[in-house]
Amino acid sequence: MSKLHFWDEMVYLQNAQVICCGKTNYSELDYRPPLISLIFAGLFLLWHHIYAACLVTPFLNALGPVFLYFAGRLSVGRLPAVIAALLLTFSPFFVGVFPAGFVSDDTGNSVPTDSPALTLVSLAFWLMLRALNRETALRFA
């Protein structure tokens, strides 16, 4: 875990400070997606430390293959779902296995926003497949 973050990571953390704590020194809430900042802001209400975001991000990342497995099991079966979840689990983009000294600008350093977005897409896909299995208005909501 690191207290030093690159620009994009710091902007999401600063936006969380604006949301939860009323900091007004800098904000990019006008043109940044707010969901990860909202998650961080809720977390800052429980534990107001930069390490909180560094801990919740890997947790969100770990849920991605789980939701992909659930969605795959509903759509194509158990074995392909396991294979897809394992491929996602050990993919370099998702795990963050980069050569020493190289940090991708797209995936961030210790508070990446792309992998939690992939987790949320997997969750949405799984929930949609569950709603299609038993069609009720509540499930589609």
Protein backbone atom coordinates (compact mmCIF):
# COMPACT_ATOMS: atom_id res chain seq x y z
CA MET A 1 0.00 0.00 0.00
CA SER A 2 1.16 3.45 -0.75
CA LYS A 3 0.31 6.97 0.31
CA LEU A 4 1.70 8.27 -2.98
CA HIS A 5 -0.69 8.18 -5.91
CA PHE A 6 -0.69 9.40 -9.47
CA TRP A 7 -2.97 12.14 -10.77
CA ASP A 8 -6.07 10.11 -11.64
CA GLU A 9 -5.99 8.17 -8.39
CA MET A 10 -5.54 11.32 -6.37
CA VAL A 11 -8.44 13.03 -8.14
CA TYR A 12 -10.83 10.20 -7.19
CA LEU A 13 -9.59 10.33 -3.60
CA GLN A 14 -9.94 14.13 -3.56
CA ASN A 15 -13.47 13.87 -4.97
CA ALA A 16 -14.27 11.48 -2.13
CA GLN A 17 -12.95 14.11 0.31
CA VAL A 18 -15.25 16.68 -1.33
CA ILE A 19 -18.26 14.39 -1.03
CA CYS A 20 -17.78 13.14 2.52
CA CYS A 21 -15.89 15.89 4.28
CA GLY A 22 -16.71 19.12 2.46
CA LYS A 23 -13.15 19.82 1.27
CA THR A 24 -13.26 22.52 -1.36
CA ASN A 25 -9.64 23.00 -2.34
CA TYR A 26 -9.94 21.01 -5.60
CA SER A 27 -12.69 19.05 -7.29
CA GLU A 28 -13.17 17.34 -10.63
CA LEU A 29 -16.67 16.08 -9.87
CA ASP A 30 -17.95 17.99 -12.90
CA TYR A 31 -16.41 15.62 -15.43
CA ARG A 32 -15.21 12.49 -13.61
CA PRO A 33 -17.39 9.43 -13.07
CA PRO A 34 -18.58 9.69 -9.46
CA LEU A 35 -19.23 6.06 -8.48
CA ILE A 36 -15.76 5.11 -7.25
CA SER A 37 -15.53 8.45 -5.44
CA LEU A 38 -18.90 7.75 -3.80
CA ILE A 39 -17.64 4.34 -2.65
CA PHE A 40 -14.49 5.94 -1.24
CA ALA A 41 -16.54 8.70 0.42
CA GLY A 42 -18.75 6.16 2.17
CA LEU A 43 -15.66 4.33 3.29
CA PHE A 44 -14.08 7.55 4.57
CA LEU A 45 -17.10 8.03 6.81
CA LEU A 46 -16.14 4.75 8.53
CA TRP A 47 -12.34 5.08 8.43
CA HIS A 48 -10.93 8.38 7.23
CA HIS A 49 -7.53 7.27 5.99
CA ILE A 50 -6.01 6.88 2.54
CA TYR A 51 -5.27 3.21 3.31
CA ALA A 52 -9.01 2.57 3.46
CA ALA A 53 -9.25 3.14 -0.29
CA CYS A 54 -6.16 1.01 -0.84
CA LEU A 55 -7.88 -1.86 0.99
CA VAL A 56 -11.36 -1.61 -0.53
CA THR A 57 -10.09 -1.50 -4.13
CA PRO A 58 -8.50 -5.00 -4.05
CA PHE A 59 -11.66 -6.28 -2.36
CA LEU A 60 -13.74 -4.92 -5.25
CA ASN A 61 -11.23 -6.42 -7.68
CA ALA A 62 -11.53 -9.83 -6.01
CA LEU A 63 -15.30 -9.80 -6.50
CA GLY A 64 -14.97 -9.45 -10.29
CA PRO A 65 -14.11 -13.09 -11.05
CA VAL A 66 -16.78 -14.24 -8.59
CA PHE A 67 -19.53 -12.33 -10.38
CA LEU A 68 -18.15 -13.44 -13.75
CA TYR A 69 -18.38 -17.05 -12.57
CA PHE A 70 -21.99 -16.56 -11.43
CA ALA A 71 -22.95 -14.97 -14.76
CA GLY A 72 -21.10 -17.61 -16.76
CA ARG A 73 -22.71 -20.44 -14.80
CA LEU A 74 -26.16 -19.07 -15.64
CA SER A 75 -25.42 -18.55 -19.32
CA VAL A 76 -23.01 -21.29 -20.47
CA GLY A 77 -22.51 -23.77 -17.64
CA ARG A 78 -20.18 -24.52 -14.79
CA LEU A 79 -16.92 -25.51 -16.54
CA PRO A 80 -16.76 -22.54 -18.96
CA ALA A 81 -17.64 -20.26 -16.05
CA VAL A 82 -14.73 -21.61 -14.01
CA ILE A 83 -12.37 -21.16 -16.96
CA ALA A 84 -13.53 -17.59 -17.58
CA ALA A 85 -13.22 -16.69 -13.89
CA LEU A 86 -9.71 -18.17 -13.72
CA LEU A 87 -8.64 -16.31 -16.86
CA LEU A 88 -9.90 -13.05 -15.39
CA THR A 89 -8.35 -13.79 -12.00
CA PHE A 90 -4.87 -14.28 -13.38
CA SER A 91 -4.90 -11.78 -16.23
CA PRO A 92 -2.08 -9.22 -15.97
CA PHE A 93 -4.49 -6.29 -16.34
CA PHE A 94 -6.61 -7.44 -13.45
CA VAL A 95 -3.86 -8.60 -11.09
CA GLY A 96 -1.50 -5.74 -11.91
CA VAL A 97 1.57 -7.82 -12.66
CA PHE A 98 3.74 -5.34 -14.51
CA PRO A 99 7.52 -5.31 -14.93
CA ALA A 100 9.47 -3.56 -12.16
CA GLY A 101 9.33 0.20 -12.46
CA PHE A 102 6.46 0.19 -14.94
CA VAL A 103 3.12 1.58 -13.87
CA SER A 104 0.38 1.79 -16.44
CA ASP A 105 -1.38 5.14 -16.69
CA ASP A 106 -4.63 3.31 -17.44
CA THR A 107 -4.75 0.95 -14.48
CA GLY A 108 -3.27 3.21 -11.83
CA ASN A 109 -0.89 2.33 -9.06
CA SER A 110 -2.63 1.25 -5.87
CA VAL A 111 -6.13 2.69 -6.31
CA PRO A 112 -7.04 1.67 -9.87
CA THR A 113 -10.50 2.50 -11.11
CA ASP A 114 -10.70 0.21 -14.15
CA SER A 115 -10.85 -3.09 -12.27
CA PRO A 116 -13.68 -2.05 -9.92
CA ALA A 117 -15.55 -0.87 -13.01
CA LEU A 118 -15.12 -4.34 -14.52
CA THR A 119 -16.43 -5.84 -11.27
CA LEU A 120 -19.52 -3.64 -11.43
CA VAL A 121 -20.10 -4.61 -15.08
CA SER A 122 -19.83 -8.30 -14.12
CA LEU A 123 -22.28 -7.73 -11.25
CA ALA A 124 -24.74 -5.97 -13.56
CA PHE A 125 -24.49 -8.77 -16.15
CA TRP A 126 -25.12 -11.44 -13.50
CA LEU A 127 -28.10 -9.54 -12.09
CA MET A 128 -29.52 -9.12 -15.59
CA LEU A 129 -29.24 -12.85 -16.29
CA ARG A 130 -30.94 -13.63 -12.97
CA ALA A 131 -33.74 -11.22 -13.85
CA LEU A 132 -34.20 -12.90 -17.23
CA ASN A 133 -34.52 -16.32 -15.56
CA ARG A 134 -37.40 -15.19 -13.33
CA GLU A 135 -39.02 -12.14 -14.81
CA THR A 136 -40.34 -9.86 -12.09
CA ALA A 137 -40.38 -6.09 -11.97
CA LEU A 138 -38.32 -6.11 -8.76
CA ARG A 139 -35.51 -8.12 -10.33
CA PHE A 140 -35.33 -5.79 -13.32
CA ALA A 141 -35.29 -2.75 -11.05
